[in-house]
Amino acid sequence: MPGMWWVTGTIVAVGLLSTYLIWTAGRVERLHARAESAARALDAHLLRRAAAAAVLAERRYGVELYAAARIALDARPDEREAAENDLTRQLRVVQLDPADPDCEAVIAASRRLALARQVHTDLVRDARSARGRPLVRLLRMGRGREWPRYFDIDDPTLTVPADVPAG
C-alpha cells in the first residue's frame, strides 16, 4: 500500500494542473472576447463622434470640419486611425460653445470616446499580456484568434474655453 500515496499524489497533481490549464485557457478566451467587444464599442463611439461633427459642420462650421468628419465616417479600417486623428485636430481648432446643442453633442461624444478608448486599450493590454505568457504560447491557447490590436489615436477629449461657462 505504500505505492498508493504516489498514485493519489499524481492524480491530485494532474487534476490541479488540468484545472489551472482550463482556467488559463478560459481566461485567455474571455479576455479576447472582451477586447473584441471593446473594439466594437470603440468603433460605435468613433462613428457617433464623426456623425455629430458632420452635423455640427453642416450647421455652423465650414468645409474642412465636414470633410474630416466624412473621411472619418467613410474610412477603411487601415485608414481609420489617421482619419480620426485628423478629425480630432479639426475639432480642436473650432471654438466649441457648450451652450449650443450641436457643440454639446460633439463634446459629449468625445468624452465617451475617450472612455471607450481607455477601456479598449486596457483590455487589449490585458489580452496581449495573458497571451504572451510562456505556458499560453507553448500550448497555443490563443491560436484561434488574432492578436488584439491597439487603436492609436490622439486623446479625443475636447476642452471648453475658460471664458465660456459650462452648461
N, C-alpha and C. Protein backbone atom coordinates (compact mmCIF):
# COMPACT_ATOMS: atom_id res chain seq x y z
N MET A 1 0.78 -1.22 0.00
CA MET A 1 0.00 0.00 0.00
C MET A 1 0.82 1.28 0.00
N PRO A 2 2.15 1.21 0.19
CA PRO A 2 2.90 2.46 0.16
C PRO A 2 2.88 3.11 -1.22
N GLY A 3 2.67 2.38 -2.29
CA GLY A 3 2.62 2.94 -3.64
C GLY A 3 1.35 3.72 -3.92
N MET A 4 0.33 3.54 -3.10
CA MET A 4 -0.94 4.25 -3.30
C MET A 4 -0.79 5.75 -3.09
N TRP A 5 0.12 6.18 -2.23
CA TRP A 5 0.31 7.60 -1.99
C TRP A 5 0.86 8.28 -3.24
N TRP A 6 1.73 7.58 -3.96
CA TRP A 6 2.26 8.14 -5.19
C TRP A 6 1.17 8.26 -6.24
N VAL A 7 0.35 7.27 -6.33
CA VAL A 7 -0.75 7.30 -7.30
C VAL A 7 -1.72 8.41 -6.95
N THR A 8 -2.08 8.49 -5.68
CA THR A 8 -3.01 9.54 -5.23
C THR A 8 -2.41 10.92 -5.45
N GLY A 9 -1.14 11.08 -5.11
CA GLY A 9 -0.46 12.37 -5.30
C GLY A 9 -0.38 12.75 -6.76
N THR A 10 -0.11 11.78 -7.62
CA THR A 10 -0.03 12.04 -9.05
C THR A 10 -1.40 12.45 -9.60
N ILE A 11 -2.44 11.76 -9.17
CA ILE A 11 -3.80 12.09 -9.62
C ILE A 11 -4.19 13.50 -9.18
N VAL A 12 -3.87 13.84 -7.94
CA VAL A 12 -4.18 15.18 -7.44
C VAL A 12 -3.38 16.23 -8.22
N ALA A 13 -2.09 15.97 -8.47
CA ALA A 13 -1.26 16.93 -9.21
C ALA A 13 -1.77 17.11 -10.63
N VAL A 14 -2.14 16.03 -11.30
CA VAL A 14 -2.68 16.12 -12.66
C VAL A 14 -4.01 16.86 -12.65
N GLY A 15 -4.83 16.60 -11.64
CA GLY A 15 -6.11 17.30 -11.52
C GLY A 15 -5.91 18.79 -11.32
N LEU A 16 -4.96 19.19 -10.46
CA LEU A 16 -4.68 20.61 -10.23
C LEU A 16 -4.11 21.28 -11.48
N LEU A 17 -3.20 20.59 -12.15
CA LEU A 17 -2.62 21.13 -13.38
C LEU A 17 -3.69 21.29 -14.47
N SER A 18 -4.55 20.30 -14.59
CA SER A 18 -5.64 20.39 -15.57
C SER A 18 -6.57 21.55 -15.25
N THR A 19 -6.90 21.70 -14.00
CA THR A 19 -7.78 22.80 -13.58
C THR A 19 -7.14 24.15 -13.92
N TYR A 20 -5.84 24.27 -13.63
CA TYR A 20 -5.15 25.51 -13.92
C TYR A 20 -5.12 25.80 -15.42
N LEU A 21 -4.84 24.78 -16.22
CA LEU A 21 -4.78 24.97 -17.67
C LEU A 21 -6.14 25.33 -18.25
N ILE A 22 -7.18 24.69 -17.76
CA ILE A 22 -8.54 25.02 -18.23
C ILE A 22 -8.91 26.44 -17.83
N TRP A 23 -8.56 26.83 -16.61
CA TRP A 23 -8.85 28.18 -16.14
C TRP A 23 -8.08 29.21 -16.99
N THR A 24 -6.81 28.92 -17.27
CA THR A 24 -5.98 29.84 -18.06
C THR A 24 -6.52 29.97 -19.49
N ALA A 25 -6.89 28.86 -20.10
CA ALA A 25 -7.45 28.90 -21.45
C ALA A 25 -8.76 29.70 -21.46
N GLY A 26 -9.58 29.51 -20.46
CA GLY A 26 -10.82 30.27 -20.36
C GLY A 26 -10.56 31.75 -20.17
N ARG A 27 -9.55 32.09 -19.38
CA ARG A 27 -9.20 33.49 -19.16
C ARG A 27 -8.73 34.14 -20.46
N VAL A 28 -7.87 33.45 -21.19
CA VAL A 28 -7.39 33.99 -22.46
C VAL A 28 -8.57 34.20 -23.41
N GLU A 29 -9.46 33.25 -23.47
CA GLU A 29 -10.63 33.35 -24.35
C GLU A 29 -11.54 34.51 -23.92
N ARG A 30 -11.77 34.65 -22.62
CA ARG A 30 -12.61 35.75 -22.13
C ARG A 30 -11.99 37.11 -22.40
N LEU A 31 -10.68 37.22 -22.21
CA LEU A 31 -10.02 38.49 -22.47
C LEU A 31 -10.07 38.85 -23.95
N HIS A 32 -9.92 37.87 -24.82
CA HIS A 32 -10.06 38.14 -26.25
C HIS A 32 -11.47 38.58 -26.59
N ALA A 33 -12.44 37.92 -26.03
CA ALA A 33 -13.84 38.29 -26.30
C ALA A 33 -14.13 39.71 -25.80
N ARG A 34 -13.62 40.03 -24.62
CA ARG A 34 -13.84 41.38 -24.08
C ARG A 34 -13.13 42.43 -24.92
N ALA A 35 -11.92 42.12 -25.40
CA ALA A 35 -11.19 43.07 -26.24
C ALA A 35 -11.93 43.30 -27.57
N GLU A 36 -12.48 42.24 -28.14
CA GLU A 36 -13.26 42.38 -29.38
C GLU A 36 -14.52 43.19 -29.13
N SER A 37 -15.16 42.96 -28.00
CA SER A 37 -16.36 43.73 -27.66
C SER A 37 -16.01 45.21 -27.46
N ALA A 38 -14.90 45.47 -26.80
CA ALA A 38 -14.46 46.85 -26.59
C ALA A 38 -14.10 47.51 -27.92
N ALA A 39 -13.56 46.74 -28.86
CA ALA A 39 -13.24 47.29 -30.19
C ALA A 39 -14.52 47.68 -30.92
N ARG A 40 -15.55 46.86 -30.79
CA ARG A 40 -16.84 47.20 -31.43
C ARG A 40 -17.45 48.44 -30.77
N ALA A 41 -17.35 48.55 -29.45
CA ALA A 41 -17.87 49.73 -28.76
C ALA A 41 -17.08 50.98 -29.15
N LEU A 42 -15.77 50.84 -29.26
CA LEU A 42 -14.94 51.97 -29.68
C LEU A 42 -15.33 52.42 -31.09
N ASP A 43 -15.55 51.46 -31.97
CA ASP A 43 -15.96 51.79 -33.34
C ASP A 43 -17.29 52.54 -33.34
N ALA A 44 -18.21 52.10 -32.51
CA ALA A 44 -19.51 52.78 -32.44
C ALA A 44 -19.35 54.21 -31.93
N HIS A 45 -18.50 54.41 -30.94
CA HIS A 45 -18.29 55.77 -30.42
C HIS A 45 -17.56 56.65 -31.44
N LEU A 46 -16.65 56.05 -32.20
CA LEU A 46 -15.99 56.81 -33.26
C LEU A 46 -17.00 57.27 -34.31
N LEU A 47 -17.91 56.39 -34.67
CA LEU A 47 -18.94 56.75 -35.65
C LEU A 47 -19.87 57.82 -35.11
N ARG A 48 -20.25 57.71 -33.83
CA ARG A 48 -21.13 58.73 -33.24
C ARG A 48 -20.47 60.09 -33.23
N ARG A 49 -19.19 60.12 -32.85
CA ARG A 49 -18.49 61.41 -32.81
C ARG A 49 -18.37 62.00 -34.22
N ALA A 50 -18.02 61.18 -35.20
CA ALA A 50 -17.89 61.67 -36.57
C ALA A 50 -19.24 62.17 -37.10
N ALA A 51 -20.30 61.47 -36.79
CA ALA A 51 -21.63 61.90 -37.23
C ALA A 51 -22.02 63.22 -36.57
N ALA A 52 -21.76 63.34 -35.26
CA ALA A 52 -22.07 64.59 -34.56
C ALA A 52 -21.22 65.74 -35.11
N ALA A 53 -19.97 65.47 -35.45
CA ALA A 53 -19.11 66.51 -36.03
C ALA A 53 -19.60 66.91 -37.41
N ALA A 54 -20.09 65.95 -38.18
CA ALA A 54 -20.62 66.27 -39.51
C ALA A 54 -21.86 67.16 -39.40
N VAL A 55 -22.72 66.84 -38.45
CA VAL A 55 -23.92 67.68 -38.24
C VAL A 55 -23.51 69.07 -37.80
N LEU A 56 -22.56 69.15 -36.89
CA LEU A 56 -22.07 70.45 -36.43
C LEU A 56 -21.46 71.24 -37.57
N ALA A 57 -20.69 70.59 -38.41
CA ALA A 57 -20.04 71.28 -39.53
C ALA A 57 -21.06 71.77 -40.55
N GLU A 58 -22.11 70.99 -40.77
CA GLU A 58 -23.15 71.41 -41.71
C GLU A 58 -23.88 72.64 -41.21
N ARG A 59 -24.09 72.72 -39.91
CA ARG A 59 -24.90 73.81 -39.36
C ARG A 59 -24.10 75.07 -39.05
N ARG A 60 -22.86 74.91 -38.57
CA ARG A 60 -22.16 76.09 -38.08
C ARG A 60 -20.80 76.31 -38.69
N TYR A 61 -20.04 75.28 -38.88
CA TYR A 61 -18.65 75.46 -39.27
C TYR A 61 -18.46 75.03 -40.71
N GLY A 62 -17.25 75.09 -41.18
CA GLY A 62 -17.02 75.01 -42.60
C GLY A 62 -16.74 73.64 -43.18
N VAL A 63 -16.19 73.75 -44.35
CA VAL A 63 -15.95 72.61 -45.20
C VAL A 63 -14.88 71.69 -44.62
N GLU A 64 -13.85 72.25 -44.00
CA GLU A 64 -12.75 71.44 -43.50
C GLU A 64 -13.21 70.45 -42.43
N LEU A 65 -14.01 70.92 -41.48
CA LEU A 65 -14.51 70.04 -40.43
C LEU A 65 -15.46 68.99 -41.03
N TYR A 66 -16.29 69.42 -41.96
CA TYR A 66 -17.21 68.47 -42.60
C TYR A 66 -16.43 67.41 -43.39
N ALA A 67 -15.41 67.83 -44.10
CA ALA A 67 -14.60 66.88 -44.87
C ALA A 67 -13.90 65.89 -43.95
N ALA A 68 -13.36 66.38 -42.84
CA ALA A 68 -12.69 65.48 -41.89
C ALA A 68 -13.69 64.49 -41.29
N ALA A 69 -14.90 64.96 -41.00
CA ALA A 69 -15.92 64.07 -40.44
C ALA A 69 -16.35 63.02 -41.46
N ARG A 70 -16.54 63.44 -42.71
CA ARG A 70 -16.92 62.48 -43.75
C ARG A 70 -15.82 61.46 -44.02
N ILE A 71 -14.58 61.91 -44.01
CA ILE A 71 -13.47 60.98 -44.21
C ILE A 71 -13.41 59.97 -43.07
N ALA A 72 -13.65 60.44 -41.85
CA ALA A 72 -13.65 59.53 -40.70
C ALA A 72 -14.81 58.54 -40.79
N LEU A 73 -15.95 58.99 -41.28
CA LEU A 73 -17.09 58.08 -41.41
C LEU A 73 -16.87 57.05 -42.51
N ASP A 74 -16.20 57.44 -43.58
CA ASP A 74 -16.03 56.57 -44.74
C ASP A 74 -14.70 55.83 -44.78
N ALA A 75 -13.86 56.00 -43.76
CA ALA A 75 -12.51 55.44 -43.79
C ALA A 75 -12.53 53.91 -43.72
N ARG A 76 -11.60 53.31 -44.47
CA ARG A 76 -11.39 51.87 -44.38
C ARG A 76 -10.65 51.57 -43.08
N PRO A 77 -10.68 50.33 -42.61
CA PRO A 77 -10.03 50.02 -41.32
C PRO A 77 -8.55 50.40 -41.25
N ASP A 78 -7.82 50.26 -42.33
CA ASP A 78 -6.39 50.59 -42.30
C ASP A 78 -6.14 52.10 -42.33
N GLU A 79 -7.14 52.89 -42.69
CA GLU A 79 -7.02 54.35 -42.74
C GLU A 79 -7.70 55.02 -41.55
N ARG A 80 -8.30 54.24 -40.70
CA ARG A 80 -9.17 54.78 -39.66
C ARG A 80 -8.44 55.64 -38.64
N GLU A 81 -7.27 55.20 -38.17
CA GLU A 81 -6.55 55.96 -37.15
C GLU A 81 -6.18 57.35 -37.66
N ALA A 82 -5.66 57.43 -38.88
CA ALA A 82 -5.27 58.73 -39.44
C ALA A 82 -6.48 59.63 -39.62
N ALA A 83 -7.59 59.07 -40.07
CA ALA A 83 -8.80 59.87 -40.27
C ALA A 83 -9.34 60.40 -38.94
N GLU A 84 -9.32 59.57 -37.91
CA GLU A 84 -9.81 60.00 -36.61
C GLU A 84 -8.89 61.05 -35.98
N ASN A 85 -7.57 60.91 -36.18
CA ASN A 85 -6.64 61.92 -35.68
C ASN A 85 -6.85 63.25 -36.38
N ASP A 86 -7.13 63.20 -37.67
CA ASP A 86 -7.40 64.43 -38.42
C ASP A 86 -8.69 65.09 -37.91
N LEU A 87 -9.70 64.28 -37.67
CA LEU A 87 -10.96 64.83 -37.14
C LEU A 87 -10.73 65.46 -35.76
N THR A 88 -9.94 64.82 -34.92
CA THR A 88 -9.65 65.38 -33.60
C THR A 88 -8.94 66.72 -33.73
N ARG A 89 -7.98 66.81 -34.64
CA ARG A 89 -7.28 68.09 -34.86
C ARG A 89 -8.24 69.17 -35.35
N GLN A 90 -9.13 68.81 -36.25
CA GLN A 90 -10.09 69.79 -36.76
C GLN A 90 -11.05 70.25 -35.65
N LEU A 91 -11.44 69.33 -34.79
CA LEU A 91 -12.34 69.71 -33.70
C LEU A 91 -11.64 70.60 -32.68
N ARG A 92 -10.36 70.42 -32.48
CA ARG A 92 -9.63 71.26 -31.53
C ARG A 92 -9.46 72.69 -32.05
N VAL A 93 -9.45 72.87 -33.37
CA VAL A 93 -9.30 74.20 -33.96
C VAL A 93 -10.59 75.01 -33.78
N VAL A 94 -11.71 74.35 -33.81
CA VAL A 94 -13.02 75.01 -33.73
C VAL A 94 -13.30 75.44 -32.29
N GLN A 95 -13.85 76.64 -32.12
CA GLN A 95 -14.28 77.10 -30.80
C GLN A 95 -15.66 76.52 -30.51
N LEU A 96 -15.71 75.56 -29.61
CA LEU A 96 -16.98 74.90 -29.29
C LEU A 96 -17.67 75.60 -28.13
N ASP A 97 -18.92 75.91 -28.32
CA ASP A 97 -19.73 76.55 -27.29
C ASP A 97 -20.61 75.49 -26.64
N PRO A 98 -20.37 75.19 -25.36
CA PRO A 98 -21.16 74.12 -24.73
C PRO A 98 -22.65 74.45 -24.59
N ALA A 99 -23.02 75.70 -24.78
CA ALA A 99 -24.43 76.06 -24.71
C ALA A 99 -25.17 75.64 -25.98
N ASP A 100 -24.45 75.49 -27.07
CA ASP A 100 -25.04 75.07 -28.33
C ASP A 100 -25.26 73.55 -28.29
N PRO A 101 -26.46 73.08 -28.58
CA PRO A 101 -26.74 71.64 -28.51
C PRO A 101 -25.87 70.80 -29.46
N ASP A 102 -25.56 71.34 -30.64
CA ASP A 102 -24.72 70.60 -31.58
C ASP A 102 -23.29 70.47 -31.04
N CYS A 103 -22.77 71.56 -30.48
CA CYS A 103 -21.43 71.51 -29.89
C CYS A 103 -21.41 70.59 -28.68
N GLU A 104 -22.46 70.65 -27.88
CA GLU A 104 -22.54 69.79 -26.70
C GLU A 104 -22.57 68.32 -27.09
N ALA A 105 -23.23 68.01 -28.21
CA ALA A 105 -23.27 66.62 -28.68
C ALA A 105 -21.87 66.15 -29.07
N VAL A 106 -21.09 67.01 -29.71
CA VAL A 106 -19.73 66.63 -30.10
C VAL A 106 -18.85 66.49 -28.86
N ILE A 107 -18.98 67.41 -27.91
CA ILE A 107 -18.18 67.34 -26.68
C ILE A 107 -18.51 66.06 -25.91
N ALA A 108 -19.79 65.76 -25.77
CA ALA A 108 -20.19 64.55 -25.05
C ALA A 108 -19.72 63.29 -25.77
N ALA A 109 -19.84 63.28 -27.09
CA ALA A 109 -19.38 62.12 -27.86
C ALA A 109 -17.87 61.95 -27.72
N SER A 110 -17.15 63.05 -27.66
CA SER A 110 -15.69 62.97 -27.50
C SER A 110 -15.32 62.43 -26.12
N ARG A 111 -16.06 62.82 -25.12
CA ARG A 111 -15.80 62.30 -23.76
C ARG A 111 -16.07 60.80 -23.69
N ARG A 112 -17.18 60.38 -24.27
CA ARG A 112 -17.49 58.94 -24.27
C ARG A 112 -16.47 58.17 -25.10
N LEU A 113 -16.01 58.77 -26.18
CA LEU A 113 -14.98 58.14 -27.00
C LEU A 113 -13.68 57.98 -26.22
N ALA A 114 -13.31 58.98 -25.44
CA ALA A 114 -12.09 58.89 -24.64
C ALA A 114 -12.19 57.74 -23.65
N LEU A 115 -13.34 57.59 -23.03
CA LEU A 115 -13.54 56.50 -22.08
C LEU A 115 -13.51 55.14 -22.80
N ALA A 116 -14.17 55.05 -23.93
CA ALA A 116 -14.19 53.80 -24.70
C ALA A 116 -12.78 53.44 -25.17
N ARG A 117 -12.00 54.44 -25.56
CA ARG A 117 -10.62 54.18 -25.99
C ARG A 117 -9.78 53.67 -24.83
N GLN A 118 -9.97 54.22 -23.64
CA GLN A 118 -9.21 53.78 -22.48
C GLN A 118 -9.57 52.35 -22.10
N VAL A 119 -10.85 52.03 -22.13
CA VAL A 119 -11.29 50.66 -21.83
C VAL A 119 -10.73 49.69 -22.86
N HIS A 120 -10.80 50.07 -24.13
CA HIS A 120 -10.26 49.22 -25.19
C HIS A 120 -8.76 48.99 -25.00
N THR A 121 -8.02 50.06 -24.72
CA THR A 121 -6.58 49.95 -24.52
C THR A 121 -6.25 49.03 -23.35
N ASP A 122 -6.98 49.17 -22.25
CA ASP A 122 -6.73 48.33 -21.09
C ASP A 122 -7.01 46.85 -21.39
N LEU A 123 -8.10 46.59 -22.08
CA LEU A 123 -8.44 45.19 -22.39
C LEU A 123 -7.48 44.58 -23.41
N VAL A 124 -7.04 45.36 -24.37
CA VAL A 124 -6.06 44.85 -25.34
C VAL A 124 -4.75 44.55 -24.61
N ARG A 125 -4.33 45.45 -23.73
CA ARG A 125 -3.10 45.21 -22.96
C ARG A 125 -3.20 43.93 -22.14
N ASP A 126 -4.34 43.73 -21.47
CA ASP A 126 -4.52 42.53 -20.66
C ASP A 126 -4.54 41.26 -21.52
N ALA A 127 -5.22 41.32 -22.66
CA ALA A 127 -5.29 40.14 -23.53
C ALA A 127 -3.92 39.81 -24.12
N ARG A 128 -3.19 40.83 -24.51
CA ARG A 128 -1.85 40.59 -25.06
C ARG A 128 -0.91 40.05 -23.98
N SER A 129 -1.06 40.56 -22.77
CA SER A 129 -0.24 40.08 -21.67
C SER A 129 -0.53 38.62 -21.35
N ALA A 130 -1.81 38.28 -21.29
CA ALA A 130 -2.18 36.89 -20.99
C ALA A 130 -1.73 35.96 -22.11
N ARG A 131 -1.86 36.41 -23.33
CA ARG A 131 -1.49 35.56 -24.46
C ARG A 131 0.02 35.45 -24.63
N GLY A 132 0.76 36.39 -24.10
CA GLY A 132 2.20 36.37 -24.21
C GLY A 132 2.91 35.54 -23.15
N ARG A 133 2.17 35.00 -22.21
CA ARG A 133 2.81 34.19 -21.17
C ARG A 133 3.37 32.91 -21.78
N PRO A 134 4.48 32.44 -21.23
CA PRO A 134 5.15 31.27 -21.84
C PRO A 134 4.28 30.02 -21.95
N LEU A 135 3.54 29.70 -20.91
CA LEU A 135 2.71 28.50 -20.95
C LEU A 135 1.59 28.63 -21.99
N VAL A 136 1.03 29.80 -22.10
CA VAL A 136 -0.04 30.04 -23.08
C VAL A 136 0.52 29.93 -24.49
N ARG A 137 1.71 30.49 -24.71
CA ARG A 137 2.34 30.38 -26.03
C ARG A 137 2.73 28.94 -26.33
N LEU A 138 3.27 28.25 -25.33
CA LEU A 138 3.70 26.87 -25.53
C LEU A 138 2.54 25.97 -25.93
N LEU A 139 1.41 26.13 -25.25
CA LEU A 139 0.24 25.30 -25.54
C LEU A 139 -0.67 25.92 -26.60
N ARG A 140 -0.27 27.07 -27.14
CA ARG A 140 -1.01 27.76 -28.22
C ARG A 140 -2.49 27.92 -27.88
N MET A 141 -2.75 28.48 -26.71
CA MET A 141 -4.13 28.63 -26.25
C MET A 141 -4.91 29.70 -27.01
N GLY A 142 -4.23 30.65 -27.62
CA GLY A 142 -4.95 31.70 -28.34
C GLY A 142 -4.88 31.55 -29.84
N ARG A 143 -4.60 30.36 -30.32
CA ARG A 143 -4.35 30.18 -31.75
C ARG A 143 -5.57 30.44 -32.62
N GLY A 144 -6.76 30.38 -32.08
CA GLY A 144 -7.96 30.59 -32.88
C GLY A 144 -8.31 32.06 -33.07
N ARG A 145 -7.56 32.94 -32.45
CA ARG A 145 -7.88 34.37 -32.51
C ARG A 145 -6.66 35.16 -32.98
N GLU A 146 -6.94 36.30 -33.60
CA GLU A 146 -5.86 37.22 -33.95
C GLU A 146 -5.41 37.95 -32.69
N TRP A 147 -4.16 38.41 -32.73
CA TRP A 147 -3.67 39.22 -31.61
C TRP A 147 -4.50 40.50 -31.57
N PRO A 148 -4.97 40.89 -30.40
CA PRO A 148 -5.71 42.16 -30.31
C PRO A 148 -4.80 43.33 -30.68
N ARG A 149 -5.37 44.31 -31.36
CA ARG A 149 -4.61 45.47 -31.79
C ARG A 149 -5.06 46.72 -31.05
N TYR A 150 -4.09 47.53 -30.73
CA TYR A 150 -4.38 48.83 -30.14
C TYR A 150 -4.94 49.75 -31.23
N PHE A 151 -5.76 50.71 -30.82
CA PHE A 151 -6.24 51.74 -31.74
C PHE A 151 -5.58 53.03 -31.27
N ASP A 152 -4.57 53.46 -31.98
CA ASP A 152 -3.72 54.55 -31.53
C ASP A 152 -4.20 55.87 -32.11
N ILE A 153 -4.92 56.63 -31.30
CA ILE A 153 -5.37 57.95 -31.71
C ILE A 153 -5.03 58.95 -30.61
N ASP A 154 -5.03 60.23 -31.00
CA ASP A 154 -4.81 61.29 -30.01
C ASP A 154 -5.95 61.27 -29.01
N ASP A 155 -5.69 61.86 -27.86
CA ASP A 155 -6.74 61.95 -26.85
C ASP A 155 -7.91 62.75 -27.42
N PRO A 156 -9.09 62.13 -27.55
CA PRO A 156 -10.21 62.82 -28.20
C PRO A 156 -10.97 63.79 -27.31
N THR A 157 -10.57 63.94 -26.05
CA THR A 157 -11.28 64.83 -25.15
C THR A 157 -11.08 66.27 -25.60
N LEU A 158 -12.18 66.99 -25.73
CA LEU A 158 -12.13 68.37 -26.16
C LEU A 158 -12.25 69.28 -24.95
N THR A 159 -11.46 70.33 -24.93
CA THR A 159 -11.52 71.27 -23.81
C THR A 159 -12.44 72.42 -24.19
N VAL A 160 -13.12 72.92 -23.19
CA VAL A 160 -14.02 74.05 -23.36
C VAL A 160 -13.24 75.29 -22.96
N PRO A 161 -13.29 76.37 -23.75
CA PRO A 161 -12.57 77.60 -23.38
C PRO A 161 -12.99 78.08 -22.00
N ALA A 162 -12.03 78.68 -21.29
CA ALA A 162 -12.27 79.12 -19.91
C ALA A 162 -13.29 80.24 -19.81
N ASP A 163 -13.40 81.09 -20.84
CA ASP A 163 -14.32 82.22 -20.79
C ASP A 163 -15.77 81.82 -21.10
N VAL A 164 -15.99 80.59 -21.55
CA VAL A 164 -17.33 80.12 -21.85
C VAL A 164 -17.83 79.30 -20.68
N PRO A 165 -18.93 79.70 -20.05
CA PRO A 165 -19.44 78.93 -18.92
C PRO A 165 -19.99 77.57 -19.37
N ALA A 166 -19.62 76.54 -18.65
CA ALA A 166 -20.12 75.18 -18.97
C ALA A 166 -21.56 75.08 -18.57
N GLY A 167 -22.37 74.43 -19.41
CA GLY A 167 -23.82 74.32 -19.17
C GLY A 167 -24.08 73.15 -18.42
